[in-house]
Amino acid sequence: MRERSNESAENYLETILILSKRLPVVRSVDVANELDFKKSSVSIAMKNLREKNHITMTSAGYIYLTESGKEIAEMIFERHQLLSMGLEALGVSKEIADRDACKIEHVISKESFDAIKNHMKKEQ
């Protein structure tokens, strides 16, 4: 079982994953721009993620997810997508569904998320 990361770390990891799908390389400045955070805040967060072995950084400043970082990022990304889609299917606006999914994705239990996921698969 993985160590429970905090919400901030999960958001950073998810953002790195999303950016890595769009950009050839991900740098701290890209993360800062995506999240609209100060570069200094992102720099501290990247140091913490490196210390937890969730990311590696090259001397050129390129950020890569480690296996553990990728596992957490993909889990959070899947939760976000599914929860957002489910809320939209219930009639919630895209903007609010996205914002609420971002909050829920960090606190929902694996059991509850799996139940929602299975329910949504049956509905399709």
PDB file of N, CA and C in Angstrom:
ATOM      1  N   MET A   1       0.844  -1.199   0.000  1.00  0.00           N
ATOM      2  CA  MET A   1       0.000   0.000   0.000  1.00  0.00           C
ATOM      3  C   MET A   1       0.874   1.242   0.000  1.00  0.00           C
ATOM      4  N   ARG A   2       0.531   2.213  -0.794  1.00  0.00           N
ATOM      5  CA  ARG A   2       1.351   3.413  -0.894  1.00  0.00           C
ATOM      6  C   ARG A   2       1.138   4.324   0.304  1.00  0.00           C
ATOM      7  N   GLU A   3       2.163   5.105   0.581  1.00  0.00           N
ATOM      8  CA  GLU A   3       2.067   6.108   1.632  1.00  0.00           C
ATOM      9  C   GLU A   3       1.101   7.185   1.168  1.00  0.00           C
ATOM     10  N   ARG A   4       0.221   7.629   2.032  1.00  0.00           N
ATOM     11  CA  ARG A   4      -0.765   8.645   1.671  1.00  0.00           C
ATOM     12  C   ARG A   4      -0.080   9.995   1.495  1.00  0.00           C
ATOM     13  N   SER A   5      -0.141  10.527   0.311  1.00  0.00           N
ATOM     14  CA  SER A   5       0.437  11.838   0.039  1.00  0.00           C
ATOM     15  C   SER A   5      -0.567  12.908   0.429  1.00  0.00           C
ATOM     16  N   ASN A   6      -0.062  14.101   0.641  1.00  0.00           N
ATOM     17  CA  ASN A   6      -1.007  15.163   0.959  1.00  0.00           C
ATOM     18  C   ASN A   6      -1.611  15.735  -0.321  1.00  0.00           C
ATOM     19  N   GLU A   7      -2.652  16.495  -0.146  1.00  0.00           N
ATOM     20  CA  GLU A   7      -3.405  17.019  -1.293  1.00  0.00           C
ATOM     21  C   GLU A   7      -2.543  17.868  -2.213  1.00  0.00           C
ATOM     22  N   SER A   8      -1.708  18.706  -1.641  1.00  0.00           N
ATOM     23  CA  SER A   8      -0.841  19.564  -2.442  1.00  0.00           C
ATOM     24  C   SER A   8       0.097  18.729  -3.306  1.00  0.00           C
ATOM     25  N   ALA A   9       0.739  17.735  -2.710  1.00  0.00           N
ATOM     26  CA  ALA A   9       1.652  16.864  -3.462  1.00  0.00           C
ATOM     27  C   ALA A   9       0.901  16.148  -4.574  1.00  0.00           C
ATOM     28  N   GLU A  10      -0.298  15.671  -4.269  1.00  0.00           N
ATOM     29  CA  GLU A  10      -1.104  14.987  -5.282  1.00  0.00           C
ATOM     30  C   GLU A  10      -1.431  15.921  -6.440  1.00  0.00           C
ATOM     31  N   ASN A  11      -1.754  17.167  -6.149  1.00  0.00           N
ATOM     32  CA  ASN A  11      -2.055  18.140  -7.203  1.00  0.00           C
ATOM     33  C   ASN A  11      -0.833  18.406  -8.079  1.00  0.00           C
ATOM     34  N   TYR A  12       0.317  18.535  -7.449  1.00  0.00           N
ATOM     35  CA  TYR A  12       1.539  18.742  -8.221  1.00  0.00           C
ATOM     36  C   TYR A  12       1.823  17.544  -9.116  1.00  0.00           C
ATOM     37  N   LEU A  13       1.713  16.345  -8.574  1.00  0.00           N
ATOM     38  CA  LEU A  13       1.986  15.139  -9.362  1.00  0.00           C
ATOM     39  C   LEU A  13       1.009  15.013 -10.529  1.00  0.00           C
ATOM     40  N   GLU A  14      -0.264  15.285 -10.265  1.00  0.00           N
ATOM     41  CA  GLU A  14      -1.268  15.231 -11.331  1.00  0.00           C
ATOM     42  C   GLU A  14      -0.949  16.265 -12.416  1.00  0.00           C
ATOM     43  N   THR A  15      -0.552  17.453 -12.001  1.00  0.00           N
ATOM     44  CA  THR A  15      -0.215  18.510 -12.957  1.00  0.00           C
ATOM     45  C   THR A  15       0.986  18.118 -13.813  1.00  0.00           C
ATOM     46  N   ILE A  16       1.999  17.521 -13.194  1.00  0.00           N
ATOM     47  CA  ILE A  16       3.171  17.062 -13.953  1.00  0.00           C
ATOM     48  C   ILE A  16       2.744  16.013 -14.977  1.00  0.00           C
ATOM     49  N   LEU A  17       1.866  15.093 -14.573  1.00  0.00           N
ATOM     50  CA  LEU A  17       1.369  14.066 -15.497  1.00  0.00           C
ATOM     51  C   LEU A  17       0.647  14.709 -16.683  1.00  0.00           C
ATOM     52  N   ILE A  18      -0.250  15.619 -16.402  1.00  0.00           N
ATOM     53  CA  ILE A  18      -1.030  16.285 -17.454  1.00  0.00           C
ATOM     54  C   ILE A  18      -0.097  17.057 -18.398  1.00  0.00           C
ATOM     55  N   LEU A  19       0.847  17.797 -17.827  1.00  0.00           N
ATOM     56  CA  LEU A  19       1.784  18.560 -18.660  1.00  0.00           C
ATOM     57  C   LEU A  19       2.664  17.644 -19.502  1.00  0.00           C
ATOM     58  N   SER A  20       3.038  16.494 -18.949  1.00  0.00           N
ATOM     59  CA  SER A  20       3.905  15.565 -19.694  1.00  0.00           C
ATOM     60  C   SER A  20       3.197  14.992 -20.913  1.00  0.00           C
ATOM     61  N   LYS A  21       1.867  15.025 -20.909  1.00  0.00           N
ATOM     62  CA  LYS A  21       1.100  14.561 -22.068  1.00  0.00           C
ATOM     63  C   LYS A  21       1.033  15.638 -23.153  1.00  0.00           C
ATOM     64  N   ARG A  22       1.207  16.908 -22.752  1.00  0.00           N
ATOM     65  CA  ARG A  22       1.104  18.036 -23.674  1.00  0.00           C
ATOM     66  C   ARG A  22       2.441  18.581 -24.147  1.00  0.00           C
ATOM     67  N   LEU A  23       3.454  18.476 -23.305  1.00  0.00           N
ATOM     68  CA  LEU A  23       4.744  19.101 -23.591  1.00  0.00           C
ATOM     69  C   LEU A  23       5.841  18.051 -23.791  1.00  0.00           C
ATOM     70  N   PRO A  24       6.855  18.391 -24.567  1.00  0.00           N
ATOM     71  CA  PRO A  24       7.960  17.437 -24.741  1.00  0.00           C
ATOM     72  C   PRO A  24       8.733  17.216 -23.440  1.00  0.00           C
ATOM     73  N   VAL A  25       8.882  18.273 -22.627  1.00  0.00           N
ATOM     74  CA  VAL A  25       9.509  18.172 -21.307  1.00  0.00           C
ATOM     75  C   VAL A  25       8.743  19.074 -20.342  1.00  0.00           C
ATOM     76  N   VAL A  26       8.809  18.732 -19.060  1.00  0.00           N
ATOM     77  CA  VAL A  26       8.129  19.526 -18.034  1.00  0.00           C
ATOM     78  C   VAL A  26       9.190  20.156 -17.138  1.00  0.00           C
ATOM     79  N   ARG A  27       9.039  21.454 -16.907  1.00  0.00           N
ATOM     80  CA  ARG A  27       9.941  22.186 -16.016  1.00  0.00           C
ATOM     81  C   ARG A  27       9.114  22.837 -14.916  1.00  0.00           C
ATOM     82  N   SER A  28       9.784  23.265 -13.865  1.00  0.00           N
ATOM     83  CA  SER A  28       9.096  23.921 -12.747  1.00  0.00           C
ATOM     84  C   SER A  28       8.297  25.128 -13.215  1.00  0.00           C
ATOM     85  N   VAL A  29       8.839  25.884 -14.154  1.00  0.00           N
ATOM     86  CA  VAL A  29       8.139  27.069 -14.663  1.00  0.00           C
ATOM     87  C   VAL A  29       6.817  26.659 -15.331  1.00  0.00           C
ATOM     88  N   ASP A  30       6.802  25.509 -15.999  1.00  0.00           N
ATOM     89  CA  ASP A  30       5.568  25.033 -16.634  1.00  0.00           C
ATOM     90  C   ASP A  30       4.515  24.710 -15.575  1.00  0.00           C
ATOM     91  N   VAL A  31       4.955  24.079 -14.496  1.00  0.00           N
ATOM     92  CA  VAL A  31       4.045  23.741 -13.397  1.00  0.00           C
ATOM     93  C   VAL A  31       3.515  25.021 -12.762  1.00  0.00           C
ATOM     94  N   ALA A  32       4.403  25.976 -12.523  1.00  0.00           N
ATOM     95  CA  ALA A  32       4.000  27.264 -11.928  1.00  0.00           C
ATOM     96  C   ALA A  32       2.979  27.974 -12.815  1.00  0.00           C
ATOM     97  N   ASN A  33       3.222  27.990 -14.118  1.00  0.00           N
ATOM     98  CA  ASN A  33       2.291  28.645 -15.041  1.00  0.00           C
ATOM     99  C   ASN A  33       0.948  27.925 -15.077  1.00  0.00           C
ATOM    100  N   GLU A  34       0.974  26.600 -15.089  1.00  0.00           N
ATOM    101  CA  GLU A  34      -0.264  25.817 -15.155  1.00  0.00           C
ATOM    102  C   GLU A  34      -1.135  26.032 -13.917  1.00  0.00           C
ATOM    103  N   LEU A  35      -0.496  26.080 -12.759  1.00  0.00           N
ATOM    104  CA  LEU A  35      -1.237  26.211 -11.506  1.00  0.00           C
ATOM    105  C   LEU A  35      -1.400  27.663 -11.057  1.00  0.00           C
ATOM    106  N   ASP A  36      -0.748  28.580 -11.774  1.00  0.00           N
ATOM    107  CA  ASP A  36      -0.747  29.999 -11.420  1.00  0.00           C
ATOM    108  C   ASP A  36      -0.186  30.205 -10.012  1.00  0.00           C
ATOM    109  N   PHE A  37       0.936  29.513  -9.741  1.00  0.00           N
ATOM    110  CA  PHE A  37       1.639  29.615  -8.461  1.00  0.00           C
ATOM    111  C   PHE A  37       2.957  30.341  -8.692  1.00  0.00           C
ATOM    112  N   LYS A  38       3.517  30.854  -7.606  1.00  0.00           N
ATOM    113  CA  LYS A  38       4.837  31.472  -7.673  1.00  0.00           C
ATOM    114  C   LYS A  38       5.876  30.390  -7.940  1.00  0.00           C
ATOM    115  N   LYS A  39       6.891  30.751  -8.709  1.00  0.00           N
ATOM    116  CA  LYS A  39       7.964  29.799  -9.022  1.00  0.00           C
ATOM    117  C   LYS A  39       8.658  29.314  -7.752  1.00  0.00           C
ATOM    118  N   SER A  40       8.783  30.192  -6.758  1.00  0.00           N
ATOM    119  CA  SER A  40       9.449  29.810  -5.507  1.00  0.00           C
ATOM    120  C   SER A  40       8.652  28.734  -4.756  1.00  0.00           C
ATOM    121  N   SER A  41       7.326  28.832  -4.797  1.00  0.00           N
ATOM    122  CA  SER A  41       6.473  27.819  -4.155  1.00  0.00           C
ATOM    123  C   SER A  41       6.619  26.473  -4.855  1.00  0.00           C
ATOM    124  N   VAL A  42       6.648  26.506  -6.169  1.00  0.00           N
ATOM    125  CA  VAL A  42       6.792  25.282  -6.960  1.00  0.00           C
ATOM    126  C   VAL A  42       8.161  24.663  -6.716  1.00  0.00           C
ATOM    127  N   SER A  43       9.171  25.493  -6.616  1.00  0.00           N
ATOM    128  CA  SER A  43      10.527  25.006  -6.371  1.00  0.00           C
ATOM    129  C   SER A  43      10.597  24.232  -5.049  1.00  0.00           C
ATOM    130  N   ILE A  44       9.974  24.750  -4.021  1.00  0.00           N
ATOM    131  CA  ILE A  44       9.936  24.073  -2.719  1.00  0.00           C
ATOM    132  C   ILE A  44       9.179  22.756  -2.840  1.00  0.00           C
ATOM    133  N   ALA A  45       8.066  22.785  -3.534  1.00  0.00           N
ATOM    134  CA  ALA A  45       7.262  21.571  -3.710  1.00  0.00           C
ATOM    135  C   ALA A  45       8.042  20.504  -4.484  1.00  0.00           C
ATOM    136  N   MET A  46       8.777  20.920  -5.514  1.00  0.00           N
ATOM    137  CA  MET A  46       9.562  19.958  -6.297  1.00  0.00           C
ATOM    138  C   MET A  46      10.654  19.334  -5.435  1.00  0.00           C
ATOM    139  N   LYS A  47      11.253  20.131  -4.560  1.00  0.00           N
ATOM    140  CA  LYS A  47      12.272  19.606  -3.638  1.00  0.00           C
ATOM    141  C   LYS A  47      11.652  18.530  -2.739  1.00  0.00           C
ATOM    142  N   ASN A  48      10.461  18.815  -2.210  1.00  0.00           N
ATOM    143  CA  ASN A  48       9.768  17.843  -1.350  1.00  0.00           C
ATOM    144  C   ASN A  48       9.408  16.575  -2.117  1.00  0.00           C
ATOM    145  N   LEU A  49       8.962  16.720  -3.354  1.00  0.00           N
ATOM    146  CA  LEU A  49       8.614  15.550  -4.168  1.00  0.00           C
ATOM    147  C   LEU A  49       9.852  14.722  -4.513  1.00  0.00           C
ATOM    148  N   ARG A  50      10.974  15.399  -4.731  1.00  0.00           N
ATOM    149  CA  ARG A  50      12.238  14.682  -4.977  1.00  0.00           C
ATOM    150  C   ARG A  50      12.644  13.898  -3.728  1.00  0.00           C
ATOM    151  N   GLU A  51      12.521  14.532  -2.561  1.00  0.00           N
ATOM    152  CA  GLU A  51      12.893  13.875  -1.304  1.00  0.00           C
ATOM    153  C   GLU A  51      12.032  12.652  -1.023  1.00  0.00           C
ATOM    154  N   LYS A  52      10.801  12.684  -1.496  1.00  0.00           N
ATOM    155  CA  LYS A  52       9.889  11.536  -1.328  1.00  0.00           C
ATOM    156  C   LYS A  52      10.021  10.537  -2.470  1.00  0.00           C
ATOM    157  N   ASN A  53      10.947  10.808  -3.381  1.00  0.00           N
ATOM    158  CA  ASN A  53      11.193   9.946  -4.547  1.00  0.00           C
ATOM    159  C   ASN A  53       9.972   9.805  -5.456  1.00  0.00           C
ATOM    160  N   HIS A  54       9.201  10.876  -5.579  1.00  0.00           N
ATOM    161  CA  HIS A  54       8.056  10.876  -6.491  1.00  0.00           C
ATOM    162  C   HIS A  54       8.424  11.471  -7.852  1.00  0.00           C
ATOM    163  N   ILE A  55       9.509  12.257  -7.869  1.00  0.00           N
ATOM    164  CA  ILE A  55       9.990  12.826  -9.133  1.00  0.00           C
ATOM    165  C   ILE A  55      11.513  12.775  -9.159  1.00  0.00           C
ATOM    166  N   THR A  56      12.042  12.906 -10.374  1.00  0.00           N
ATOM    167  CA  THR A  56      13.473  13.156 -10.552  1.00  0.00           C
ATOM    168  C   THR A  56      13.583  14.413 -11.398  1.00  0.00           C
ATOM    169  N   MET A  57      14.705  15.098 -11.256  1.00  0.00           N
ATOM    170  CA  MET A  57      14.950  16.293 -12.060  1.00  0.00           C
ATOM    171  C   MET A  57      16.342  16.191 -12.657  1.00  0.00           C
ATOM    172  N   THR A  58      16.436  16.522 -13.932  1.00  0.00           N
ATOM    173  CA  THR A  58      17.735  16.524 -14.597  1.00  0.00           C
ATOM    174  C   THR A  58      18.464  17.826 -14.268  1.00  0.00           C
ATOM    175  N   SER A  59      19.730  17.886 -14.619  1.00  0.00           N
ATOM    176  CA  SER A  59      20.504  19.112 -14.390  1.00  0.00           C
ATOM    177  C   SER A  59      19.939  20.280 -15.203  1.00  0.00           C
ATOM    178  N   ALA A  60      19.241  19.963 -16.290  1.00  0.00           N
ATOM    179  CA  ALA A  60      18.606  21.004 -17.112  1.00  0.00           C
ATOM    180  C   ALA A  60      17.251  21.440 -16.538  1.00  0.00           C
ATOM    181  N   GLY A  61      16.812  20.796 -15.443  1.00  0.00           N
ATOM    182  CA  GLY A  61      15.559  21.181 -14.804  1.00  0.00           C
ATOM    183  C   GLY A  61      14.332  20.461 -15.330  1.00  0.00           C
ATOM    184  N   TYR A  62      14.529  19.389 -16.082  1.00  0.00           N
ATOM    185  CA  TYR A  62      13.394  18.620 -16.596  1.00  0.00           C
ATOM    186  C   TYR A  62      12.893  17.690 -15.502  1.00  0.00           C
ATOM    187  N   ILE A  63      11.580  17.654 -15.340  1.00  0.00           N
ATOM    188  CA  ILE A  63      10.946  16.880 -14.272  1.00  0.00           C
ATOM    189  C   ILE A  63      10.341  15.609 -14.852  1.00  0.00           C
ATOM    190  N   TYR A  64      10.626  14.502 -14.190  1.00  0.00           N
ATOM    191  CA  TYR A  64      10.063  13.210 -14.580  1.00  0.00           C
ATOM    192  C   TYR A  64       9.458  12.536 -13.356  1.00  0.00           C
ATOM    193  N   LEU A  65       8.303  11.912 -13.553  1.00  0.00           N
ATOM    194  CA  LEU A  65       7.681  11.155 -12.473  1.00  0.00           C
ATOM    195  C   LEU A  65       8.411   9.828 -12.292  1.00  0.00           C
ATOM    196  N   THR A  66       8.622   9.429 -11.036  1.00  0.00           N
ATOM    197  CA  THR A  66       9.137   8.094 -10.748  1.00  0.00           C
ATOM    198  C   THR A  66       7.949   7.135 -10.778  1.00  0.00           C
ATOM    199  N   GLU A  67       8.196   5.868 -10.575  1.00  0.00           N
ATOM    200  CA  GLU A  67       7.086   4.893 -10.557  1.00  0.00           C
ATOM    201  C   GLU A  67       6.058   5.274  -9.502  1.00  0.00           C
ATOM    202  N   SER A  68       6.522   5.595  -8.282  1.00  0.00           N
ATOM    203  CA  SER A  68       5.573   5.949  -7.214  1.00  0.00           C
ATOM    204  C   SER A  68       4.840   7.240  -7.538  1.00  0.00           C
ATOM    205  N   GLY A  69       5.544   8.214  -8.099  1.00  0.00           N
ATOM    206  CA  GLY A  69       4.907   9.475  -8.471  1.00  0.00           C
ATOM    207  C   GLY A  69       3.878   9.289  -9.568  1.00  0.00           C
ATOM    208  N   LYS A  70       4.224   8.446 -10.539  1.00  0.00           N
ATOM    209  CA  LYS A  70       3.301   8.184 -11.647  1.00  0.00           C
ATOM    210  C   LYS A  70       2.062   7.444 -11.152  1.00  0.00           C
ATOM    211  N   GLU A  71       2.253   6.522 -10.228  1.00  0.00           N
ATOM    212  CA  GLU A  71       1.127   5.766  -9.669  1.00  0.00           C
ATOM    213  C   GLU A  71       0.133   6.702  -8.974  1.00  0.00           C
ATOM    214  N   ILE A  72       0.659   7.602  -8.165  1.00  0.00           N
ATOM    215  CA  ILE A  72      -0.203   8.563  -7.459  1.00  0.00           C
ATOM    216  C   ILE A  72      -0.871   9.499  -8.461  1.00  0.00           C
ATOM    217  N   ALA A  73      -0.099  10.041  -9.401  1.00  0.00           N
ATOM    218  CA  ALA A  73      -0.633  10.983 -10.389  1.00  0.00           C
ATOM    219  C   ALA A  73      -1.740  10.355 -11.223  1.00  0.00           C
ATOM    220  N   GLU A  74      -1.527   9.124 -11.673  1.00  0.00           N
ATOM    221  CA  GLU A  74      -2.545   8.454 -12.494  1.00  0.00           C
ATOM    222  C   GLU A  74      -3.799   8.153 -11.690  1.00  0.00           C
ATOM    223  N   MET A  75      -3.636   7.793 -10.408  1.00  0.00           N
ATOM    224  CA  MET A  75      -4.796   7.533  -9.562  1.00  0.00           C
ATOM    225  C   MET A  75      -5.629   8.810  -9.393  1.00  0.00           C
ATOM    226  N   ILE A  76      -4.964   9.918  -9.100  1.00  0.00           N
ATOM    227  CA  ILE A  76      -5.663  11.188  -8.900  1.00  0.00           C
ATOM    228  C   ILE A  76      -6.299  11.656 -10.203  1.00  0.00           C
ATOM    229  N   PHE A  77      -5.576  11.512 -11.306  1.00  0.00           N
ATOM    230  CA  PHE A  77      -6.099  11.916 -12.614  1.00  0.00           C
ATOM    231  C   PHE A  77      -7.345  11.104 -12.971  1.00  0.00           C
ATOM    232  N   GLU A  78      -7.316   9.794 -12.735  1.00  0.00           N
ATOM    233  CA  GLU A  78      -8.480   8.948 -13.014  1.00  0.00           C
ATOM    234  C   GLU A  78      -9.667   9.371 -12.148  1.00  0.00           C
ATOM    235  N   ARG A  79      -9.404   9.599 -10.874  1.00  0.00           N
ATOM    236  CA  ARG A  79     -10.477  10.044  -9.974  1.00  0.00           C
ATOM    237  C   ARG A  79     -11.078  11.342 -10.470  1.00  0.00           C
ATOM    238  N   HIS A  80     -10.212  12.291 -10.822  1.00  0.00           N
ATOM    239  CA  HIS A  80     -10.689  13.596 -11.275  1.00  0.00           C
ATOM    240  C   HIS A  80     -11.580  13.456 -12.507  1.00  0.00           C
ATOM    241  N   GLN A  81     -11.097  12.718 -13.484  1.00  0.00           N
ATOM    242  CA  GLN A  81     -11.864  12.554 -14.726  1.00  0.00           C
ATOM    243  C   GLN A  81     -13.220  11.898 -14.459  1.00  0.00           C
ATOM    244  N   LEU A  82     -13.214  10.805 -13.724  1.00  0.00           N
ATOM    245  CA  LEU A  82     -14.447  10.055 -13.485  1.00  0.00           C
ATOM    246  C   LEU A  82     -15.441  10.860 -12.648  1.00  0.00           C
ATOM    247  N   LEU A  83     -14.954  11.496 -11.586  1.00  0.00           N
ATOM    248  CA  LEU A  83     -15.846  12.278 -10.723  1.00  0.00           C
ATOM    249  C   LEU A  83     -16.414  13.477 -11.468  1.00  0.00           C
ATOM    250  N   SER A  84     -15.588  14.151 -12.231  1.00  0.00           N
ATOM    251  CA  SER A  84     -16.046  15.298 -13.006  1.00  0.00           C
ATOM    252  C   SER A  84     -17.109  14.872 -14.015  1.00  0.00           C
ATOM    253  N   MET A  85     -16.842  13.776 -14.716  1.00  0.00           N
ATOM    254  CA  MET A  85     -17.791  13.252 -15.701  1.00  0.00           C
ATOM    255  C   MET A  85     -19.111  12.858 -15.026  1.00  0.00           C
ATOM    256  N   GLY A  86     -19.014  12.225 -13.874  1.00  0.00           N
ATOM    257  CA  GLY A  86     -20.213  11.806 -13.150  1.00  0.00           C
ATOM    258  C   GLY A  86     -21.050  12.982 -12.694  1.00  0.00           C
ATOM    259  N   LEU A  87     -20.394  14.016 -12.193  1.00  0.00           N
ATOM    260  CA  LEU A  87     -21.122  15.206 -11.756  1.00  0.00           C
ATOM    261  C   LEU A  87     -21.789  15.909 -12.931  1.00  0.00           C
ATOM    262  N   GLU A  88     -21.080  15.971 -14.059  1.00  0.00           N
ATOM    263  CA  GLU A  88     -21.666  16.574 -15.256  1.00  0.00           C
ATOM    264  C   GLU A  88     -22.887  15.772 -15.723  1.00  0.00           C
ATOM    265  N   ALA A  89     -22.798  14.447 -15.632  1.00  0.00           N
ATOM    266  CA  ALA A  89     -23.923  13.594 -16.029  1.00  0.00           C
ATOM    267  C   ALA A  89     -25.141  13.835 -15.142  1.00  0.00           C
ATOM    268  N   LEU A  90     -24.903  14.302 -13.924  1.00  0.00           N
ATOM    269  CA  LEU A  90     -26.001  14.613 -13.000  1.00  0.00           C
ATOM    270  C   LEU A  90     -26.557  16.023 -13.217  1.00  0.00           C
ATOM    271  N   GLY A  91     -25.962  16.763 -14.172  1.00  0.00           N
ATOM    272  CA  GLY A  91     -26.471  18.090 -14.494  1.00  0.00           C
ATOM    273  C   GLY A  91     -25.656  19.235 -13.931  1.00  0.00           C
ATOM    274  N   VAL A  92     -24.516  18.942 -13.295  1.00  0.00           N
ATOM    275  CA  VAL A  92     -23.660  19.995 -12.755  1.00  0.00           C
ATOM    276  C   VAL A  92     -22.876  20.608 -13.923  1.00  0.00           C
ATOM    277  N   SER A  93     -22.711  21.929 -13.900  1.00  0.00           N
ATOM    278  CA  SER A  93     -21.964  22.586 -14.973  1.00  0.00           C
ATOM    279  C   SER A  93     -20.533  22.069 -15.001  1.00  0.00           C
ATOM    280  N   LYS A  94     -19.920  22.118 -16.169  1.00  0.00           N
ATOM    281  CA  LYS A  94     -18.559  21.613 -16.351  1.00  0.00           C
ATOM    282  C   LYS A  94     -17.590  22.291 -15.379  1.00  0.00           C
ATOM    283  N   GLU A  95     -17.700  23.580 -15.247  1.00  0.00           N
ATOM    284  CA  GLU A  95     -16.796  24.346 -14.385  1.00  0.00           C
ATOM    285  C   GLU A  95     -16.906  23.916 -12.919  1.00  0.00           C
ATOM    286  N   ILE A  96     -18.125  23.809 -12.416  1.00  0.00           N
ATOM    287  CA  ILE A  96     -18.325  23.412 -11.016  1.00  0.00           C
ATOM    288  C   ILE A  96     -17.978  21.944 -10.821  1.00  0.00           C
ATOM    289  N   ALA A  97     -18.334  21.097 -11.778  1.00  0.00           N
ATOM    290  CA  ALA A  97     -18.000  19.672 -11.689  1.00  0.00           C
ATOM    291  C   ALA A  97     -16.491  19.493 -11.604  1.00  0.00           C
ATOM    292  N   ASP A  98     -15.755  20.244 -12.404  1.00  0.00           N
ATOM    293  CA  ASP A  98     -14.298  20.158 -12.405  1.00  0.00           C
ATOM    294  C   ASP A  98     -13.727  20.617 -11.066  1.00  0.00           C
ATOM    295  N   ARG A  99     -14.232  21.716 -10.549  1.00  0.00           N
ATOM    296  CA  ARG A  99     -13.754  22.258  -9.270  1.00  0.00           C
ATOM    297  C   ARG A  99     -14.072  21.311  -8.121  1.00  0.00           C
ATOM    298  N   ASP A 100     -15.308  20.767  -8.097  1.00  0.00           N
ATOM    299  CA  ASP A 100     -15.692  19.840  -7.025  1.00  0.00           C
ATOM    300  C   ASP A 100     -14.930  18.522  -7.107  1.00  0.00           C
ATOM    301  N   ALA A 101     -14.728  18.033  -8.319  1.00  0.00           N
ATOM    302  CA  ALA A 101     -13.977  16.786  -8.506  1.00  0.00           C
ATOM    303  C   ALA A 101     -12.565  16.950  -7.953  1.00  0.00           C
ATOM    304  N   CYS A 102     -11.991  18.141  -8.140  1.00  0.00           N
ATOM    305  CA  CYS A 102     -10.637  18.420  -7.657  1.00  0.00           C
ATOM    306  C   CYS A 102     -10.567  18.330  -6.134  1.00  0.00           C
ATOM    307  N   LYS A 103     -11.634  18.667  -5.464  1.00  0.00           N
ATOM    308  CA  LYS A 103     -11.675  18.573  -3.998  1.00  0.00           C
ATOM    309  C   LYS A 103     -11.937  17.134  -3.554  1.00  0.00           C
ATOM    310  N   ILE A 104     -12.904  16.497  -4.174  1.00  0.00           N
ATOM    311  CA  ILE A 104     -13.320  15.143  -3.783  1.00  0.00           C
ATOM    312  C   ILE A 104     -12.232  14.122  -4.043  1.00  0.00           C
ATOM    313  N   GLU A 105     -11.481  14.272  -5.138  1.00  0.00           N
ATOM    314  CA  GLU A 105     -10.505  13.262  -5.560  1.00  0.00           C
ATOM    315  C   GLU A 105      -9.464  12.954  -4.494  1.00  0.00           C
ATOM    316  N   HIS A 106      -9.242  13.876  -3.576  1.00  0.00           N
ATOM    317  CA  HIS A 106      -8.215  13.691  -2.546  1.00  0.00           C
ATOM    318  C   HIS A 106      -8.739  13.046  -1.268  1.00  0.00           C
ATOM    319  N   VAL A 107     -10.031  13.098  -1.052  1.00  0.00           N
ATOM    320  CA  VAL A 107     -10.565  12.613   0.225  1.00  0.00           C
ATOM    321  C   VAL A 107     -11.407  11.345   0.115  1.00  0.00           C
ATOM    322  N   ILE A 108     -11.833  11.015  -1.084  1.00  0.00           N
ATOM    323  CA  ILE A 108     -12.692   9.845  -1.248  1.00  0.00           C
ATOM    324  C   ILE A 108     -11.885   8.562  -0.998  1.00  0.00           C
ATOM    325  N   SER A 109     -12.504   7.614  -0.339  1.00  0.00           N
ATOM    326  CA  SER A 109     -11.828   6.339  -0.073  1.00  0.00           C
ATOM    327  C   SER A 109     -11.747   5.517  -1.355  1.00  0.00           C
ATOM    328  N   LYS A 110     -10.822   4.596  -1.378  1.00  0.00           N
ATOM    329  CA  LYS A 110     -10.685   3.692  -2.527  1.00  0.00           C
ATOM    330  C   LYS A 110     -11.969   2.896  -2.704  1.00  0.00           C
ATOM    331  N   GLU A 111     -12.545   2.437  -1.613  1.00  0.00           N
ATOM    332  CA  GLU A 111     -13.781   1.640  -1.673  1.00  0.00           C
ATOM    333  C   GLU A 111     -14.924   2.430  -2.305  1.00  0.00           C
ATOM    334  N   SER A 112     -15.113   3.662  -1.856  1.00  0.00           N
ATOM    335  CA  SER A 112     -16.186   4.489  -2.420  1.00  0.00           C
ATOM    336  C   SER A 112     -15.929   4.824  -3.878  1.00  0.00           C
ATOM    337  N   PHE A 113     -14.682   5.162  -4.204  1.00  0.00           N
ATOM    338  CA  PHE A 113     -14.364   5.483  -5.593  1.00  0.00           C
ATOM    339  C   PHE A 113     -14.604   4.270  -6.487  1.00  0.00           C
ATOM    340  N   ASP A 114     -14.154   3.094  -6.047  1.00  0.00           N
ATOM    341  CA  ASP A 114     -14.362   1.883  -6.847  1.00  0.00           C
ATOM    342  C   ASP A 114     -15.844   1.588  -7.046  1.00  0.00           C
ATOM    343  N   ALA A 115     -16.653   1.853  -6.016  1.00  0.00           N
ATOM    344  CA  ALA A 115     -18.097   1.630  -6.137  1.00  0.00           C
ATOM    345  C   ALA A 115     -18.704   2.589  -7.165  1.00  0.00           C
ATOM    346  N   ILE A 116     -18.297   3.843  -7.132  1.00  0.00           N
ATOM    347  CA  ILE A 116     -18.789   4.827  -8.102  1.00  0.00           C
ATOM    348  C   ILE A 116     -18.347   4.431  -9.510  1.00  0.00           C
ATOM    349  N   LYS A 117     -17.092   4.044  -9.635  1.00  0.00           N
ATOM    350  CA  LYS A 117     -16.538   3.640 -10.927  1.00  0.00           C
ATOM    351  C   LYS A 117     -17.305   2.448 -11.496  1.00  0.00           C
ATOM    352  N   ASN A 118     -17.555   1.444 -10.667  1.00  0.00           N
ATOM    353  CA  ASN A 118     -18.304   0.263 -11.116  1.00  0.00           C
ATOM    354  C   ASN A 118     -19.735   0.627 -11.488  1.00  0.00           C
ATOM    355  N   HIS A 119     -20.350   1.493 -10.727  1.00  0.00           N
ATOM    356  CA  HIS A 119     -21.713   1.931 -11.023  1.00  0.00           C
ATOM    357  C   HIS A 119     -21.778   2.657 -12.372  1.00  0.00           C
ATOM    358  N   MET A 120     -20.800   3.526 -12.604  1.00  0.00           N
ATOM    359  CA  MET A 120     -20.781   4.287 -13.852  1.00  0.00           C
ATOM    360  C   MET A 120     -20.533   3.377 -15.051  1.00  0.00           C
ATOM    361  N   LYS A 121     -19.745   2.329 -14.875  1.00  0.00           N
ATOM    362  CA  LYS A 121     -19.506   1.368 -15.970  1.00  0.00           C
ATOM    363  C   LYS A 121     -20.801   0.646 -16.324  1.00  0.00           C
ATOM    364  N   LYS A 122     -21.607   0.306 -15.323  1.00  0.00           N
ATOM    365  CA  LYS A 122     -22.881  -0.382 -15.559  1.00  0.00           C
ATOM    366  C   LYS A 122     -23.877   0.514 -16.289  1.00  0.00           C
ATOM    367  N   GLU A 123     -23.787   1.816 -16.032  1.00  0.00           N
ATOM    368  CA  GLU A 123     -24.711   2.788 -16.637  1.00  0.00           C
ATOM    369  C   GLU A 123     -24.428   3.026 -18.111  1.00  0.00           C
ATOM    370  N   GLN A 124     -23.216   2.705 -18.566  1.00  0.00           N
ATOM    371  CA  GLN A 124     -22.845   3.010 -19.954  1.00  0.00           C
ATOM    372  C   GLN A 124     -23.441   2.029 -20.915  1.00  0.00           C
TER     373      GLN A 124
END
